[in-house]
Amino acid sequence: MLADIIDVLADPVDGTAMCAADDTWKVLKSESGHSYDVARQGYVTLAGGAGLRYTGDDAKMIAARDTFLSGGHYGPFVEEVSGNVQDVLDDNGISNDDRPVVLENGAGTGYYLAHTLDAIPEARGVGIDVSVPAAKHLAKCHPRVGAVVADAWARLPIRDHSVDAITVIFAPRNAEEFARVLKPGGQVVVLTADTGHLSELRKPLGIIDVERGKVERMIAQAEGHLVPIGEPERVEFTMKLKQEDIAAQIAMSPSARHIHPDVLADRIKSLPTTMDVTARAMITRLGRPE
């Protein structure tokens, strides 16, 4: 709920503190006088004067994401992300009583964030996504999540030094803004698809493999704002996917935009009824330079 994270939110225009306009929580206002309506689904759009530059995943992609993730196929990814967030909090001596704040950038349906909060009692979650369909899911994914529609590439509507940990799962990264909103000792936990991810599907479906050196480029792009904490770790496992699982996985990804739906459907029908598919990604932890 937004009430749980109001002390973390900031006006996207000038960074001033936010509060509820009244007890109904239908409007948030900032110290500088700007007002932002809370949607009936419970999320709030916090965008600066220029508004949102793009709309993100549409309703079909979000529905496909919800279908695939709810099947538990990415369970090991979830466990690794949650475990790393817990490690970040432990390293900083932060207890559950401190009600730590975990921000997920590009949070989608809130699947990962909800599981992280389940693993860390009393933690509060801020889910940010530019997609309104995603925000509708985010607002109801967990009672301790506040859902915000915002541009990941603009100034985040978050107060300086207010977040204990940030998670980014297959989503955009804004190193400068992450460094600004992190508390001292806070870290970013990034899950990045690695070369060979879903390799068994690439050729039969005609989708491009993950580019090599992705983590190295991410680290280089963060220079001056964030540095690696330890070495990146590979997470790899095998999933047993049915054709409908594969259809949902592809539909939630950018590949769905580049292949005609009829062509993609025919290619999926040509696959075995059930097949083993490799999931492969890297987990990298980043923090501010000392």
C-alpha atoms as a PDB file:
ATOM      1  CA  MET A   1       0.000   0.000   0.000  1.00  0.00           C
ATOM      2  CA  LEU A   2       1.117   3.552  -0.690  1.00  0.00           C
ATOM      3  CA  ALA A   3       0.696   4.402   2.996  1.00  0.00           C
ATOM      4  CA  ASP A   4       3.572   2.031   3.810  1.00  0.00           C
ATOM      5  CA  ILE A   5       6.025   3.853   1.546  1.00  0.00           C
ATOM      6  CA  ILE A   6       4.870   7.475   1.655  1.00  0.00           C
ATOM      7  CA  ASP A   7       7.984   8.388   3.663  1.00  0.00           C
ATOM      8  CA  VAL A   8      10.088   7.208   0.725  1.00  0.00           C
ATOM      9  CA  LEU A   9       8.251   8.916  -2.137  1.00  0.00           C
ATOM     10  CA  ALA A  10       9.264  12.287  -3.554  1.00  0.00           C
ATOM     11  CA  ASP A  11       7.753  14.779  -5.957  1.00  0.00           C
ATOM     12  CA  PRO A  12       9.098  13.895  -9.430  1.00  0.00           C
ATOM     13  CA  VAL A  13       9.334  17.579 -10.307  1.00  0.00           C
ATOM     14  CA  ASP A  14      11.395  18.937  -7.414  1.00  0.00           C
ATOM     15  CA  GLY A  15      12.123  16.017  -5.053  1.00  0.00           C
ATOM     16  CA  THR A  16      10.140  17.390  -2.112  1.00  0.00           C
ATOM     17  CA  ALA A  17       8.461  15.061   0.391  1.00  0.00           C
ATOM     18  CA  MET A  18       5.011  13.590  -0.262  1.00  0.00           C
ATOM     19  CA  CYS A  19       1.999  12.975   1.939  1.00  0.00           C
ATOM     20  CA  ALA A  20      -1.674  12.067   1.579  1.00  0.00           C
ATOM     21  CA  ALA A  21      -3.943  15.010   0.845  1.00  0.00           C
ATOM     22  CA  ASP A  22      -6.490  13.591   3.327  1.00  0.00           C
ATOM     23  CA  ASP A  23      -7.546  10.379   5.045  1.00  0.00           C
ATOM     24  CA  THR A  24      -9.047   8.922   1.852  1.00  0.00           C
ATOM     25  CA  TRP A  25      -5.610   8.511   0.181  1.00  0.00           C
ATOM     26  CA  LYS A  26      -7.153   9.397  -3.186  1.00  0.00           C
ATOM     27  CA  VAL A  27      -4.614  12.154  -3.787  1.00  0.00           C
ATOM     28  CA  LEU A  28      -0.942  12.527  -2.864  1.00  0.00           C
ATOM     29  CA  LYS A  29       0.538  15.990  -2.544  1.00  0.00           C
ATOM     30  CA  SER A  30       4.051  17.320  -2.152  1.00  0.00           C
ATOM     31  CA  GLU A  31       5.471  19.988   0.119  1.00  0.00           C
ATOM     32  CA  SER A  32       5.796  22.221  -2.942  1.00  0.00           C
ATOM     33  CA  GLY A  33       2.061  21.934  -3.679  1.00  0.00           C
ATOM     34  CA  HIS A  34       1.923  19.470  -6.573  1.00  0.00           C
ATOM     35  CA  SER A  35      -0.910  16.923  -6.479  1.00  0.00           C
ATOM     36  CA  TYR A  36      -1.054  13.381  -7.929  1.00  0.00           C
ATOM     37  CA  ASP A  37      -4.223  11.302  -8.170  1.00  0.00           C
ATOM     38  CA  VAL A  38      -4.176   7.740  -6.851  1.00  0.00           C
ATOM     39  CA  ALA A  39      -5.858   5.362  -9.316  1.00  0.00           C
ATOM     40  CA  ARG A  40      -8.792   3.323  -8.022  1.00  0.00           C
ATOM     41  CA  GLN A  41      -6.591   0.213  -8.365  1.00  0.00           C
ATOM     42  CA  GLY A  42      -4.214   1.698  -5.783  1.00  0.00           C
ATOM     43  CA  TYR A  43      -1.215   2.879  -7.807  1.00  0.00           C
ATOM     44  CA  VAL A  44      -0.008   6.439  -8.376  1.00  0.00           C
ATOM     45  CA  THR A  45       1.644   7.942 -11.452  1.00  0.00           C
ATOM     46  CA  LEU A  46       4.577  10.162 -10.501  1.00  0.00           C
ATOM     47  CA  ALA A  47       6.001  11.781 -13.623  1.00  0.00           C
ATOM     48  CA  GLY A  48       7.652  15.159 -14.100  1.00  0.00           C
ATOM     49  CA  GLY A  49       6.473  17.989 -16.306  1.00  0.00           C
ATOM     50  CA  ALA A  50       7.381  16.161 -19.523  1.00  0.00           C
ATOM     51  CA  GLY A  51       5.249  13.168 -18.520  1.00  0.00           C
ATOM     52  CA  LEU A  52       6.065   9.593 -19.477  1.00  0.00           C
ATOM     53  CA  ARG A  53       8.081   9.156 -22.665  1.00  0.00           C
ATOM     54  CA  TYR A  54       6.932   5.593 -23.320  1.00  0.00           C
ATOM     55  CA  THR A  55       4.279   3.169 -22.102  1.00  0.00           C
ATOM     56  CA  GLY A  56       6.184  -0.067 -21.450  1.00  0.00           C
ATOM     57  CA  ASP A  57       4.624  -3.525 -21.659  1.00  0.00           C
ATOM     58  CA  ASP A  58       1.020  -3.664 -22.815  1.00  0.00           C
ATOM     59  CA  ALA A  59      -1.787  -5.614 -21.135  1.00  0.00           C
ATOM     60  CA  LYS A  60      -1.189  -8.757 -23.226  1.00  0.00           C
ATOM     61  CA  MET A  61       2.489  -8.887 -22.307  1.00  0.00           C
ATOM     62  CA  ILE A  62       1.717  -8.358 -18.633  1.00  0.00           C
ATOM     63  CA  ALA A  63      -0.931 -11.100 -18.704  1.00  0.00           C
ATOM     64  CA  ALA A  64       1.567 -13.478 -20.333  1.00  0.00           C
ATOM     65  CA  ARG A  65       4.173 -12.572 -17.704  1.00  0.00           C
ATOM     66  CA  ASP A  66       1.691 -13.288 -14.939  1.00  0.00           C
ATOM     67  CA  THR A  67       0.799 -16.649 -16.503  1.00  0.00           C
ATOM     68  CA  PHE A  68       4.395 -17.780 -16.940  1.00  0.00           C
ATOM     69  CA  LEU A  69       5.778 -16.605 -13.604  1.00  0.00           C
ATOM     70  CA  SER A  70       2.835 -17.955 -11.608  1.00  0.00           C
ATOM     71  CA  GLY A  71       3.794 -21.399 -12.923  1.00  0.00           C
ATOM     72  CA  GLY A  72       6.918 -21.237 -10.737  1.00  0.00           C
ATOM     73  CA  HIS A  73       9.292 -21.908 -13.629  1.00  0.00           C
ATOM     74  CA  TYR A  74      11.703 -19.184 -12.491  1.00  0.00           C
ATOM     75  CA  GLY A  75      11.695 -20.277  -8.860  1.00  0.00           C
ATOM     76  CA  PRO A  76      15.504 -20.509  -8.567  1.00  0.00           C
ATOM     77  CA  PHE A  77      15.816 -16.934  -9.869  1.00  0.00           C
ATOM     78  CA  VAL A  78      13.352 -15.784  -7.207  1.00  0.00           C
ATOM     79  CA  GLU A  79      15.287 -17.540  -4.450  1.00  0.00           C
ATOM     80  CA  GLU A  80      18.602 -16.054  -5.572  1.00  0.00           C
ATOM     81  CA  VAL A  81      17.231 -12.515  -5.723  1.00  0.00           C
ATOM     82  CA  SER A  82      15.551 -12.795  -2.313  1.00  0.00           C
ATOM     83  CA  GLY A  83      18.641 -14.385  -0.782  1.00  0.00           C
ATOM     84  CA  ASN A  84      20.907 -11.646  -2.090  1.00  0.00           C
ATOM     85  CA  VAL A  85      18.612  -8.915  -0.758  1.00  0.00           C
ATOM     86  CA  GLN A  86      18.666 -10.594   2.653  1.00  0.00           C
ATOM     87  CA  ASP A  87      22.472 -10.709   2.462  1.00  0.00           C
ATOM     88  CA  VAL A  88      22.570  -6.971   1.713  1.00  0.00           C
ATOM     89  CA  LEU A  89      20.436  -6.238   4.770  1.00  0.00           C
ATOM     90  CA  ASP A  90      22.475  -8.590   6.957  1.00  0.00           C
ATOM     91  CA  ASP A  91      25.731  -7.005   5.803  1.00  0.00           C
ATOM     92  CA  ASN A  92      24.400  -3.622   6.949  1.00  0.00           C
ATOM     93  CA  GLY A  93      23.050  -4.911  10.264  1.00  0.00           C
ATOM     94  CA  ILE A  94      19.462  -4.105   9.268  1.00  0.00           C
ATOM     95  CA  SER A  95      16.819  -6.103  11.131  1.00  0.00           C
ATOM     96  CA  ASN A  96      13.175  -6.737  10.303  1.00  0.00           C
ATOM     97  CA  ASP A  97      12.227  -4.273  13.057  1.00  0.00           C
ATOM     98  CA  ASP A  98      13.884  -1.522  11.004  1.00  0.00           C
ATOM     99  CA  ARG A  99      11.210  -2.057   8.307  1.00  0.00           C
ATOM    100  CA  PRO A 100      13.762  -1.933   5.461  1.00  0.00           C
ATOM    101  CA  VAL A 101      12.764  -0.585   2.061  1.00  0.00           C
ATOM    102  CA  VAL A 102      13.289  -2.694  -1.052  1.00  0.00           C
ATOM    103  CA  LEU A 103      12.743  -0.968  -4.396  1.00  0.00           C
ATOM    104  CA  GLU A 104      12.281  -2.978  -7.578  1.00  0.00           C
ATOM    105  CA  ASN A 105      12.851  -1.042 -10.772  1.00  0.00           C
ATOM    106  CA  GLY A 106      10.868  -2.387 -13.728  1.00  0.00           C
ATOM    107  CA  ALA A 107       8.861  -4.490 -11.286  1.00  0.00           C
ATOM    108  CA  GLY A 108       6.300  -5.792 -13.800  1.00  0.00           C
ATOM    109  CA  THR A 109       3.620  -7.826 -12.064  1.00  0.00           C
ATOM    110  CA  GLY A 110       5.429  -7.665  -8.714  1.00  0.00           C
ATOM    111  CA  TYR A 111       6.103 -11.405  -8.677  1.00  0.00           C
ATOM    112  CA  TYR A 112       9.740 -11.106  -7.570  1.00  0.00           C
ATOM    113  CA  LEU A 113       9.123  -8.236  -5.173  1.00  0.00           C
ATOM    114  CA  ALA A 114       6.254 -10.040  -3.448  1.00  0.00           C
ATOM    115  CA  HIS A 115       8.393 -13.126  -2.903  1.00  0.00           C
ATOM    116  CA  THR A 116      11.240 -11.006  -1.533  1.00  0.00           C
ATOM    117  CA  LEU A 117       8.877  -9.407   0.978  1.00  0.00           C
ATOM    118  CA  ASP A 118       7.549 -12.835   1.959  1.00  0.00           C
ATOM    119  CA  ALA A 119      11.121 -13.860   2.715  1.00  0.00           C
ATOM    120  CA  ILE A 120      11.844 -10.689   4.706  1.00  0.00           C
ATOM    121  CA  PRO A 121       9.043 -10.003   7.210  1.00  0.00           C
ATOM    122  CA  GLU A 122       8.283  -6.318   7.881  1.00  0.00           C
ATOM    123  CA  ALA A 123      10.222  -5.170   4.806  1.00  0.00           C
ATOM    124  CA  ARG A 124       8.414  -2.629   2.644  1.00  0.00           C
ATOM    125  CA  GLY A 125       8.397  -2.727  -1.150  1.00  0.00           C
ATOM    126  CA  VAL A 126       8.343   0.042  -3.731  1.00  0.00           C
ATOM    127  CA  GLY A 127       7.422  -1.307  -7.162  1.00  0.00           C
ATOM    128  CA  ILE A 128       8.230   1.046 -10.048  1.00  0.00           C
ATOM    129  CA  ASP A 129       7.222   0.390 -13.651  1.00  0.00           C
ATOM    130  CA  VAL A 130       6.370   2.627 -16.578  1.00  0.00           C
ATOM    131  CA  SER A 131       3.533   0.296 -17.629  1.00  0.00           C
ATOM    132  CA  VAL A 132       0.046   1.057 -16.314  1.00  0.00           C
ATOM    133  CA  PRO A 133      -1.114  -2.564 -16.830  1.00  0.00           C
ATOM    134  CA  ALA A 134       1.887  -3.644 -14.759  1.00  0.00           C
ATOM    135  CA  ALA A 135       1.030  -1.145 -12.024  1.00  0.00           C
ATOM    136  CA  LYS A 136      -2.454  -2.590 -11.714  1.00  0.00           C
ATOM    137  CA  HIS A 137      -0.886  -5.953 -10.868  1.00  0.00           C
ATOM    138  CA  LEU A 138       1.767  -4.372  -8.655  1.00  0.00           C
ATOM    139  CA  ALA A 139      -0.796  -2.619  -6.493  1.00  0.00           C
ATOM    140  CA  LYS A 140      -2.356  -5.927  -5.463  1.00  0.00           C
ATOM    141  CA  CYS A 141       0.686  -8.240  -5.494  1.00  0.00           C
ATOM    142  CA  HIS A 142       1.437  -7.880  -1.770  1.00  0.00           C
ATOM    143  CA  PRO A 143       0.012  -5.895   1.167  1.00  0.00           C
ATOM    144  CA  ARG A 144       3.401  -4.264   1.823  1.00  0.00           C
ATOM    145  CA  VAL A 145       3.990  -3.077  -1.758  1.00  0.00           C
ATOM    146  CA  GLY A 146       3.321   0.433  -2.978  1.00  0.00           C
ATOM    147  CA  ALA A 147       2.915   0.678  -6.771  1.00  0.00           C
ATOM    148  CA  VAL A 148       4.278   3.648  -8.706  1.00  0.00           C
ATOM    149  CA  VAL A 149       4.181   4.413 -12.425  1.00  0.00           C
ATOM    150  CA  ALA A 150       7.378   6.274 -13.293  1.00  0.00           C
ATOM    151  CA  ASP A 151      10.090   6.601 -15.944  1.00  0.00           C
ATOM    152  CA  ALA A 152      13.170   4.568 -15.044  1.00  0.00           C
ATOM    153  CA  TRP A 153      15.361   6.859 -17.158  1.00  0.00           C
ATOM    154  CA  ALA A 154      14.205  10.075 -15.491  1.00  0.00           C
ATOM    155  CA  ARG A 155      14.636  11.252 -11.909  1.00  0.00           C
ATOM    156  CA  LEU A 156      13.045   8.561  -9.757  1.00  0.00           C
ATOM    157  CA  PRO A 157      10.240   9.843  -7.479  1.00  0.00           C
ATOM    158  CA  ILE A 158      12.175   8.616  -4.450  1.00  0.00           C
ATOM    159  CA  ARG A 159      13.848  10.589  -1.669  1.00  0.00           C
ATOM    160  CA  ASP A 160      17.621  10.762  -1.389  1.00  0.00           C
ATOM    161  CA  HIS A 161      19.227   7.977   0.667  1.00  0.00           C
ATOM    162  CA  SER A 162      15.906   6.306   1.548  1.00  0.00           C
ATOM    163  CA  VAL A 163      16.216   2.782   0.088  1.00  0.00           C
ATOM    164  CA  ASP A 164      18.051  -0.165   1.651  1.00  0.00           C
ATOM    165  CA  ALA A 165      18.202  -2.386  -1.448  1.00  0.00           C
ATOM    166  CA  ILE A 166      17.226  -2.171  -5.105  1.00  0.00           C
ATOM    167  CA  THR A 167      16.414  -5.129  -7.328  1.00  0.00           C
ATOM    168  CA  VAL A 168      16.452  -5.110 -11.116  1.00  0.00           C
ATOM    169  CA  ILE A 169      15.281  -8.284 -12.854  1.00  0.00           C
ATOM    170  CA  PHE A 170      15.683  -8.279 -16.633  1.00  0.00           C
ATOM    171  CA  ALA A 171      14.823  -4.561 -16.557  1.00  0.00           C
ATOM    172  CA  PRO A 172      16.371  -1.109 -17.171  1.00  0.00           C
ATOM    173  CA  ARG A 173      19.020   0.298 -14.846  1.00  0.00           C
ATOM    174  CA  ASN A 174      19.708   3.916 -13.932  1.00  0.00           C
ATOM    175  CA  ALA A 175      22.994   3.852 -12.029  1.00  0.00           C
ATOM    176  CA  GLU A 176      23.066   7.568 -11.228  1.00  0.00           C
ATOM    177  CA  GLU A 177      19.580   7.515  -9.731  1.00  0.00           C
ATOM    178  CA  PHE A 178      20.181   4.250  -7.900  1.00  0.00           C
ATOM    179  CA  ALA A 179      23.250   5.757  -6.244  1.00  0.00           C
ATOM    180  CA  ARG A 180      21.216   8.805  -5.208  1.00  0.00           C
ATOM    181  CA  VAL A 181      18.355   6.924  -3.535  1.00  0.00           C
ATOM    182  CA  LEU A 182      20.394   4.200  -1.804  1.00  0.00           C
ATOM    183  CA  LYS A 183      21.146   4.523   1.885  1.00  0.00           C
ATOM    184  CA  PRO A 184      24.807   4.298   2.933  1.00  0.00           C
ATOM    185  CA  GLY A 185      25.825   0.680   2.448  1.00  0.00           C
ATOM    186  CA  GLY A 186      22.797  -0.049   0.301  1.00  0.00           C
ATOM    187  CA  GLN A 187      23.211  -2.189  -2.780  1.00  0.00           C
ATOM    188  CA  VAL A 188      21.590  -3.003  -6.124  1.00  0.00           C
ATOM    189  CA  VAL A 189      20.900  -6.662  -6.912  1.00  0.00           C
ATOM    190  CA  VAL A 190      20.748  -7.137 -10.678  1.00  0.00           C
ATOM    191  CA  LEU A 191      19.580 -10.300 -12.458  1.00  0.00           C
ATOM    192  CA  THR A 192      20.723 -10.239 -16.089  1.00  0.00           C
ATOM    193  CA  ALA A 193      19.973 -12.840 -18.744  1.00  0.00           C
ATOM    194  CA  ASP A 194      23.165 -14.611 -19.827  1.00  0.00           C
ATOM    195  CA  THR A 195      24.208 -16.031 -23.169  1.00  0.00           C
ATOM    196  CA  GLY A 196      22.525 -19.415 -23.589  1.00  0.00           C
ATOM    197  CA  HIS A 197      19.353 -18.409 -21.737  1.00  0.00           C
ATOM    198  CA  LEU A 198      16.484 -20.402 -23.324  1.00  0.00           C
ATOM    199  CA  SER A 199      19.001 -21.746 -25.844  1.00  0.00           C
ATOM    200  CA  GLU A 200      16.801 -24.702 -26.845  1.00  0.00           C
ATOM    201  CA  LEU A 201      14.138 -22.297 -28.110  1.00  0.00           C
ATOM    202  CA  ARG A 202      16.322 -19.898 -30.069  1.00  0.00           C
ATOM    203  CA  LYS A 203      16.720 -21.758 -33.341  1.00  0.00           C
ATOM    204  CA  PRO A 204      13.270 -23.412 -33.670  1.00  0.00           C
ATOM    205  CA  LEU A 205      11.456 -20.168 -32.808  1.00  0.00           C
ATOM    206  CA  GLY A 206      13.822 -17.805 -34.609  1.00  0.00           C
ATOM    207  CA  ILE A 207      14.651 -15.618 -31.607  1.00  0.00           C
ATOM    208  CA  ILE A 208      18.009 -13.945 -31.001  1.00  0.00           C
ATOM    209  CA  ASP A 209      20.357 -15.149 -28.260  1.00  0.00           C
ATOM    210  CA  VAL A 210      21.430 -12.892 -25.409  1.00  0.00           C
ATOM    211  CA  GLU A 211      24.439 -10.788 -26.388  1.00  0.00           C
ATOM    212  CA  ARG A 212      27.792 -11.637 -24.849  1.00  0.00           C
ATOM    213  CA  GLY A 213      29.482  -9.316 -22.358  1.00  0.00           C
ATOM    214  CA  LYS A 214      26.221  -7.881 -21.052  1.00  0.00           C
ATOM    215  CA  VAL A 215      27.325  -7.786 -17.411  1.00  0.00           C
ATOM    216  CA  GLU A 216      30.663  -6.219 -18.284  1.00  0.00           C
ATOM    217  CA  ARG A 217      28.909  -3.442 -20.219  1.00  0.00           C
ATOM    218  CA  MET A 218      26.505  -2.860 -17.338  1.00  0.00           C
ATOM    219  CA  ILE A 219      29.415  -2.444 -14.918  1.00  0.00           C
ATOM    220  CA  ALA A 220      31.189  -0.086 -17.309  1.00  0.00           C
ATOM    221  CA  GLN A 221      28.039   2.021 -17.768  1.00  0.00           C
ATOM    222  CA  ALA A 222      27.659   2.346 -13.987  1.00  0.00           C
ATOM    223  CA  GLU A 223      31.184   3.714 -13.557  1.00  0.00           C
ATOM    224  CA  GLY A 224      31.315   6.802 -11.403  1.00  0.00           C
ATOM    225  CA  HIS A 225      28.081   5.893  -9.630  1.00  0.00           C
ATOM    226  CA  LEU A 226      28.198   2.199  -8.683  1.00  0.00           C
ATOM    227  CA  VAL A 227      30.878  -0.465  -8.449  1.00  0.00           C
ATOM    228  CA  PRO A 228      30.632  -4.276  -8.252  1.00  0.00           C
ATOM    229  CA  ILE A 229      30.424  -5.864  -4.810  1.00  0.00           C
ATOM    230  CA  GLY A 230      32.136  -9.231  -5.210  1.00  0.00           C
ATOM    231  CA  GLU A 231      32.060 -11.270  -8.388  1.00  0.00           C
ATOM    232  CA  PRO A 232      28.922 -11.827 -10.500  1.00  0.00           C
ATOM    233  CA  GLU A 233      27.411 -15.273  -9.970  1.00  0.00           C
ATOM    234  CA  ARG A 234      25.808 -17.517 -12.566  1.00  0.00           C
ATOM    235  CA  VAL A 235      22.376 -19.027 -11.914  1.00  0.00           C
ATOM    236  CA  GLU A 236      21.503 -21.925 -14.203  1.00  0.00           C
ATOM    237  CA  PHE A 237      18.796 -24.584 -14.102  1.00  0.00           C
ATOM    238  CA  THR A 238      16.572 -26.656 -16.356  1.00  0.00           C
ATOM    239  CA  MET A 239      12.847 -26.130 -16.722  1.00  0.00           C
ATOM    240  CA  LYS A 240      10.301 -28.585 -18.070  1.00  0.00           C
ATOM    241  CA  LEU A 241       8.019 -26.457 -20.213  1.00  0.00           C
ATOM    242  CA  LYS A 242       4.844 -27.327 -22.056  1.00  0.00           C
ATOM    243  CA  GLN A 243       3.960 -25.615 -25.294  1.00  0.00           C
ATOM    244  CA  GLU A 244       1.592 -23.256 -23.489  1.00  0.00           C
ATOM    245  CA  ASP A 245       4.376 -22.336 -21.037  1.00  0.00           C
ATOM    246  CA  ILE A 246       6.688 -21.528 -23.929  1.00  0.00           C
ATOM    247  CA  ALA A 247       3.983 -19.457 -25.611  1.00  0.00           C
ATOM    248  CA  ALA A 248       3.544 -17.414 -22.422  1.00  0.00           C
ATOM    249  CA  GLN A 249       7.301 -16.970 -21.976  1.00  0.00           C
ATOM    250  CA  ILE A 250       7.778 -15.653 -25.496  1.00  0.00           C
ATOM    251  CA  ALA A 251       4.661 -13.479 -25.300  1.00  0.00           C
ATOM    252  CA  MET A 252       6.035 -11.652 -22.243  1.00  0.00           C
ATOM    253  CA  SER A 253       9.343 -10.860 -23.950  1.00  0.00           C
ATOM    254  CA  PRO A 254      10.429  -8.391 -26.664  1.00  0.00           C
ATOM    255  CA  SER A 255      10.542 -11.317 -29.104  1.00  0.00           C
ATOM    256  CA  ALA A 256       6.748 -11.178 -29.238  1.00  0.00           C
ATOM    257  CA  ARG A 257       7.004  -7.792 -30.969  1.00  0.00           C
ATOM    258  CA  HIS A 258       9.289  -9.019 -33.735  1.00  0.00           C
ATOM    259  CA  ILE A 259       7.576 -12.224 -34.896  1.00  0.00           C
ATOM    260  CA  HIS A 260       4.078 -12.344 -36.389  1.00  0.00           C
ATOM    261  CA  PRO A 261       1.732 -14.083 -33.912  1.00  0.00           C
ATOM    262  CA  ASP A 262       0.576 -16.659 -36.470  1.00  0.00           C
ATOM    263  CA  VAL A 263       4.154 -17.550 -37.410  1.00  0.00           C
ATOM    264  CA  LEU A 264       5.140 -17.836 -33.764  1.00  0.00           C
ATOM    265  CA  ALA A 265       2.124 -20.020 -32.964  1.00  0.00           C
ATOM    266  CA  ASP A 266       2.999 -22.400 -35.821  1.00  0.00           C
ATOM    267  CA  ARG A 267       6.607 -22.659 -34.654  1.00  0.00           C
ATOM    268  CA  ILE A 268       5.539 -23.424 -31.089  1.00  0.00           C
ATOM    269  CA  LYS A 269       3.156 -26.146 -32.304  1.00  0.00           C
ATOM    270  CA  SER A 270       6.096 -27.831 -34.046  1.00  0.00           C
ATOM    271  CA  LEU A 271       7.929 -28.212 -30.725  1.00  0.00           C
ATOM    272  CA  PRO A 272       7.647 -31.318 -28.518  1.00  0.00           C
ATOM    273  CA  THR A 273       4.650 -31.329 -26.174  1.00  0.00           C
ATOM    274  CA  THR A 274       7.047 -30.951 -23.248  1.00  0.00           C
ATOM    275  CA  MET A 275      10.723 -30.064 -23.476  1.00  0.00           C
ATOM    276  CA  ASP A 276      13.692 -29.239 -21.269  1.00  0.00           C
ATOM    277  CA  VAL A 277      14.727 -25.592 -21.522  1.00  0.00           C
ATOM    278  CA  THR A 278      17.787 -24.026 -19.875  1.00  0.00           C
ATOM    279  CA  ALA A 279      17.434 -20.855 -17.819  1.00  0.00           C
ATOM    280  CA  ARG A 280      20.708 -18.987 -17.425  1.00  0.00           C
ATOM    281  CA  ALA A 281      21.391 -15.603 -15.840  1.00  0.00           C
ATOM    282  CA  MET A 282      23.955 -13.652 -13.831  1.00  0.00           C
ATOM    283  CA  ILE A 283      23.426 -11.996 -10.443  1.00  0.00           C
ATOM    284  CA  THR A 284      25.529  -8.901  -9.842  1.00  0.00           C
ATOM    285  CA  ARG A 285      25.601  -6.759  -6.708  1.00  0.00           C
ATOM    286  CA  LEU A 286      26.532  -3.085  -7.027  1.00  0.00           C
ATOM    287  CA  GLY A 287      27.120  -0.401  -4.422  1.00  0.00           C
ATOM    288  CA  ARG A 288      28.344   3.172  -4.216  1.00  0.00           C
ATOM    289  CA  PRO A 289      32.127   3.637  -4.328  1.00  0.00           C
ATOM    290  CA  GLU A 290      33.604   4.204  -0.859  1.00  0.00           C
END
